[in-house]
C-alpha atoms as a PDB file:
ATOM      1  CA  MET A   1     -48.614   8.537 -32.207  1.00  0.00           C
ATOM      2  CA  SER A   2     -51.131   9.096 -29.146  1.00  0.00           C
ATOM      3  CA  ALA A   3     -50.226  10.100 -25.579  1.00  0.00           C
ATOM      4  CA  CYS A   4     -50.518   7.444 -22.500  1.00  0.00           C
ATOM      5  CA  PRO A   5     -54.675   7.485 -21.601  1.00  0.00           C
ATOM      6  CA  CYS A   6     -53.555   9.443 -18.180  1.00  0.00           C
ATOM      7  CA  GLY A   7     -52.635  12.004 -20.198  1.00  0.00           C
ATOM      8  CA  CYS A   8     -49.186  11.924 -17.915  1.00  0.00           C
ATOM      9  CA  GLY A   9     -47.810  13.421 -22.019  1.00  0.00           C
ATOM     10  CA  VAL A  10     -45.718   9.627 -22.297  1.00  0.00           C
ATOM     11  CA  ALA A  11     -45.772   8.521 -25.984  1.00  0.00           C
ATOM     12  CA  LEU A  12     -48.110   5.179 -26.290  1.00  0.00           C
ATOM     13  CA  GLY A  13     -45.130   2.816 -27.247  1.00  0.00           C
ATOM     14  CA  ALA A  14     -45.243  -1.043 -28.579  1.00  0.00           C
ATOM     15  CA  ARG A  15     -44.890  -1.932 -24.465  1.00  0.00           C
ATOM     16  CA  TRP A  16     -47.844  -1.194 -22.029  1.00  0.00           C
ATOM     17  CA  SER A  17     -48.438  -2.169 -18.573  1.00  0.00           C
ATOM     18  CA  THR A  18     -51.000  -4.318 -16.870  1.00  0.00           C
ATOM     19  CA  ASN A  19     -52.623  -1.067 -15.806  1.00  0.00           C
ATOM     20  CA  GLY A  20     -53.244   0.187 -19.641  1.00  0.00           C
ATOM     21  CA  HIS A  21     -50.929   2.786 -19.592  1.00  0.00           C
ATOM     22  CA  THR A  22     -47.163   3.078 -21.548  1.00  0.00           C
ATOM     23  CA  MET A  23     -44.317   1.457 -19.776  1.00  0.00           C
ATOM     24  CA  GLY A  24     -42.400   4.746 -18.296  1.00  0.00           C
ATOM     25  CA  CYS A  25     -45.693   7.457 -17.884  1.00  0.00           C
ATOM     26  CA  THR A  26     -45.033   9.551 -14.931  1.00  0.00           C
ATOM     27  CA  CYS A  27     -47.912   9.053 -13.575  1.00  0.00           C
ATOM     28  CA  SER A  28     -48.324   9.293  -9.694  1.00  0.00           C
ATOM     29  CA  SER A  29     -50.080   6.021  -9.434  1.00  0.00           C
ATOM     30  CA  CYS A  30     -47.905   4.438 -12.245  1.00  0.00           C
ATOM     31  CA  ILE A  31     -44.846   5.764 -10.228  1.00  0.00           C
ATOM     32  CA  GLY A  32     -45.978   4.111  -6.790  1.00  0.00           C
ATOM     33  CA  ARG A  33     -46.672   1.152  -8.687  1.00  0.00           C
ATOM     34  CA  ARG A  34     -42.558   1.245  -9.593  1.00  0.00           C
ATOM     35  CA  ASN A  35     -41.442   1.858  -6.668  1.00  0.00           C
ATOM     36  CA  ARG A  36     -43.437  -0.376  -4.887  1.00  0.00           C
ATOM     37  CA  ARG A  37     -41.508  -3.506  -6.989  1.00  0.00           C
ATOM     38  CA  LYS A  38     -38.282  -2.005  -6.561  1.00  0.00           C
ATOM     39  CA  GLY A  39     -38.715  -1.995  -2.810  1.00  0.00           C
ATOM     40  CA  LYS A  40     -40.151  -5.608  -3.046  1.00  0.00           C
ATOM     41  CA  ARG A  41     -36.962  -6.738  -4.538  1.00  0.00           C
ATOM     42  CA  LYS A  42     -34.675  -4.900  -2.790  1.00  0.00           C
ATOM     43  CA  GLN A  43     -36.378  -6.825  -0.050  1.00  0.00           C
ATOM     44  CA  LEU A  44     -36.228 -10.344  -1.242  1.00  0.00           C
ATOM     45  CA  ALA A  45     -32.751  -9.568  -2.232  1.00  0.00           C
ATOM     46  CA  ALA A  46     -31.974  -8.689   1.859  1.00  0.00           C
ATOM     47  CA  ARG A  47     -34.094 -11.236   3.197  1.00  0.00           C
ATOM     48  CA  HIS A  48     -31.845 -13.678   1.020  1.00  0.00           C
ATOM     49  CA  GLY A  49     -28.732 -12.084   1.706  1.00  0.00           C
ATOM     50  CA  LEU A  50     -29.498 -11.962   5.949  1.00  0.00           C
ATOM     51  CA  GLY A  51     -30.069 -15.407   5.736  1.00  0.00           C
ATOM     52  CA  ILE A  52     -33.147 -15.097   6.991  1.00  0.00           C
ATOM     53  CA  SER A  53     -35.301 -18.023   5.798  1.00  0.00           C
ATOM     54  CA  ALA A  54     -38.453 -17.359   4.651  1.00  0.00           C
ATOM     55  CA  ARG A  55     -40.197 -19.911   7.820  1.00  0.00           C
ATOM     56  CA  HIS A  56     -39.340 -16.443   8.940  1.00  0.00           C
ATOM     57  CA  VAL A  57     -41.169 -14.660   7.038  1.00  0.00           C
ATOM     58  CA  LEU A  58     -44.654 -13.314   8.695  1.00  0.00           C
ATOM     59  CA  GLY A  59     -45.882 -10.755   6.242  1.00  0.00           C
ATOM     60  CA  GLY A  60     -44.955  -8.540   3.596  1.00  0.00           C
ATOM     61  CA  GLN A  61     -43.288  -6.006   5.139  1.00  0.00           C
ATOM     62  CA  GLU A  62     -39.974  -6.143   6.337  1.00  0.00           C
ATOM     63  CA  GLU A  63     -41.142  -4.896   9.664  1.00  0.00           C
ATOM     64  CA  SER A  64     -42.749  -8.393  10.712  1.00  0.00           C
ATOM     65  CA  TRP A  65     -39.757 -10.718   9.430  1.00  0.00           C
ATOM     66  CA  ALA A  66     -39.161 -12.470  12.903  1.00  0.00           C
ATOM     67  CA  GLY A  67     -35.782 -12.836  13.366  1.00  0.00           C
ATOM     68  CA  ASP A  68     -33.192 -11.263  16.523  1.00  0.00           C
ATOM     69  CA  VAL A  69     -33.170  -7.836  14.971  1.00  0.00           C
ATOM     70  CA  ALA A  70     -35.716  -5.433  13.445  1.00  0.00           C
ATOM     71  CA  VAL A  71     -34.673  -4.921   9.276  1.00  0.00           C
ATOM     72  CA  GLU A  72     -35.750  -1.754   8.061  1.00  0.00           C
ATOM     73  CA  VAL A  73     -34.760  -2.058   3.818  1.00  0.00           C
ATOM     74  CA  LYS A  74     -34.243   1.185   1.589  1.00  0.00           C
ATOM     75  CA  ALA A  75     -33.378   1.267  -1.997  1.00  0.00           C
ATOM     76  CA  GLY A  76     -33.595   4.259  -4.297  1.00  0.00           C
ATOM     77  CA  VAL A  77     -32.294   7.208  -4.723  1.00  0.00           C
ATOM     78  CA  GLN A  78     -32.801   8.522  -0.588  1.00  0.00           C
ATOM     79  CA  THR A  79     -29.764   5.620  -0.128  1.00  0.00           C
ATOM     80  CA  GLN A  80     -27.131   7.029  -2.763  1.00  0.00           C
ATOM     81  CA  PRO A  81     -25.439   9.969  -0.505  1.00  0.00           C
ATOM     82  CA  CYS A  82     -25.228   7.460   2.338  1.00  0.00           C
ATOM     83  CA  VAL A  83     -24.200   4.310  -0.297  1.00  0.00           C
ATOM     84  CA  ASN A  84     -21.330   7.036  -1.862  1.00  0.00           C
ATOM     85  CA  ARG A  85     -20.104   7.534   1.698  1.00  0.00           C
ATOM     86  CA  PHE A  86     -19.923   3.523   2.702  1.00  0.00           C
ATOM     87  CA  GLY A  87     -18.230   3.458  -1.374  1.00  0.00           C
ATOM     88  CA  VAL A  88     -15.388   5.873  -0.125  1.00  0.00           C
ATOM     89  CA  ALA A  89     -14.549   4.611   3.588  1.00  0.00           C
ATOM     90  CA  TRP A  90     -14.450   1.277   2.113  1.00  0.00           C
ATOM     91  CA  ARG A  91     -12.369   2.160  -0.001  1.00  0.00           C
ATOM     92  CA  GLN A  92      -9.769   4.387   2.383  1.00  0.00           C
ATOM     93  CA  ALA A  93      -9.839   0.953   4.833  1.00  0.00           C
ATOM     94  CA  ASP A  94      -9.419  -1.567   2.324  1.00  0.00           C
ATOM     95  CA  ALA A  95      -6.068   0.769   0.530  1.00  0.00           C
ATOM     96  CA  ALA A  96      -4.451   0.519   4.313  1.00  0.00           C
ATOM     97  CA  ARG A  97      -4.700  -2.641   4.653  1.00  0.00           C
ATOM     98  CA  GLU A  98      -1.499  -5.751   4.893  1.00  0.00           C
ATOM     99  CA  PRO A  99      -1.433  -7.212   1.866  1.00  0.00           C
ATOM    100  CA  GLY A 100      -3.214 -11.012   2.597  1.00  0.00           C
ATOM    101  CA  ASP A 101      -5.858  -9.643   5.056  1.00  0.00           C
ATOM    102  CA  GLU A 102      -9.343 -11.242   4.346  1.00  0.00           C
ATOM    103  CA  ARG A 103     -11.550  -9.611   6.999  1.00  0.00           C
ATOM    104  CA  PRO A 104     -14.257  -8.360   6.198  1.00  0.00           C
ATOM    105  CA  ILE A 105     -14.495  -4.030   6.187  1.00  0.00           C
ATOM    106  CA  VAL A 106     -16.568  -2.702   8.613  1.00  0.00           C
ATOM    107  CA  VAL A 107     -18.099   0.885   8.537  1.00  0.00           C
ATOM    108  CA  VAL A 108     -18.389   2.790  11.370  1.00  0.00           C
ATOM    109  CA  LEU A 109     -20.056   6.492  10.878  1.00  0.00           C
ATOM    110  CA  MET A 110     -19.765   8.838  13.981  1.00  0.00           C
ATOM    111  CA  GLY A 111     -21.465  12.132  13.659  1.00  0.00           C
ATOM    112  CA  ASP A 112     -20.671  15.069  15.636  1.00  0.00           C
ATOM    113  CA  GLY A 113     -22.149  15.355  19.144  1.00  0.00           C
ATOM    114  CA  SER A 114     -23.251  11.580  19.105  1.00  0.00           C
ATOM    115  CA  SER A 115     -21.604   9.488  20.882  1.00  0.00           C
ATOM    116  CA  ASP A 116     -23.401   6.321  19.212  1.00  0.00           C
ATOM    117  CA  GLY A 117     -21.956   4.583  16.252  1.00  0.00           C
ATOM    118  CA  VAL A 118     -23.827   3.695  13.213  1.00  0.00           C
ATOM    119  CA  VAL A 119     -22.411   0.371  11.684  1.00  0.00           C
ATOM    120  CA  MET A 120     -22.635  -0.243   8.375  1.00  0.00           C
ATOM    121  CA  LEU A 121     -21.104  -3.350   5.876  1.00  0.00           C
ATOM    122  CA  ARG A 122     -21.740  -5.121   2.517  1.00  0.00           C
ATOM    123  CA  MET A 123     -24.191  -8.035   3.030  1.00  0.00           C
ATOM    124  CA  CYS A 124     -22.014 -10.309   0.672  1.00  0.00           C
ATOM    125  CA  ASP A 125     -19.732 -10.331   4.380  1.00  0.00           C
ATOM    126  CA  TRP A 126     -22.704 -10.538   6.797  1.00  0.00           C
ATOM    127  CA  ALA A 127     -22.443 -14.298   7.016  1.00  0.00           C
ATOM    128  CA  THR A 128     -18.911 -14.019   7.805  1.00  0.00           C
ATOM    129  CA  VAL A 129     -19.222 -11.318  10.609  1.00  0.00           C
ATOM    130  CA  THR A 130     -22.257 -13.492  11.700  1.00  0.00           C
ATOM    131  CA  LYS A 131     -20.303 -17.003  11.938  1.00  0.00           C
ATOM    132  CA  GLY A 132     -23.043 -17.953   9.516  1.00  0.00           C
ATOM    133  CA  ASP A 133     -25.902 -17.265  11.886  1.00  0.00           C
ATOM    134  CA  ALA A 134     -29.146 -16.579  10.538  1.00  0.00           C
ATOM    135  CA  LEU A 135     -31.002 -13.627  11.907  1.00  0.00           C
END
């Protein structure tokens, strides 16, 4: 069996990508293309989850979305430490809730030496917290 034409060492399989490389190719061009696609998918999911309509999207990047807040969407391995820490804090708050308390949980991260915090909540709770107002 021959390898991918870029020389990455991935054996050619039955599936090919649109640029002529095999699926799972590890060359920088293919990795960048996959990362870009994943980022675009996450941006679209974030836009829908935040209730930003398509008419408020001025360009392909979230930085150009019109609305009351500036949005930055991050995806992938780089976000996992934040997601993990949020999950720990969310589960702790959920366990401490009174039975029947259905209010959304908001996690506030306060770093040492800072009087300002970072507010995090689940995207599915966004509409409840914002009272359904779109951005």
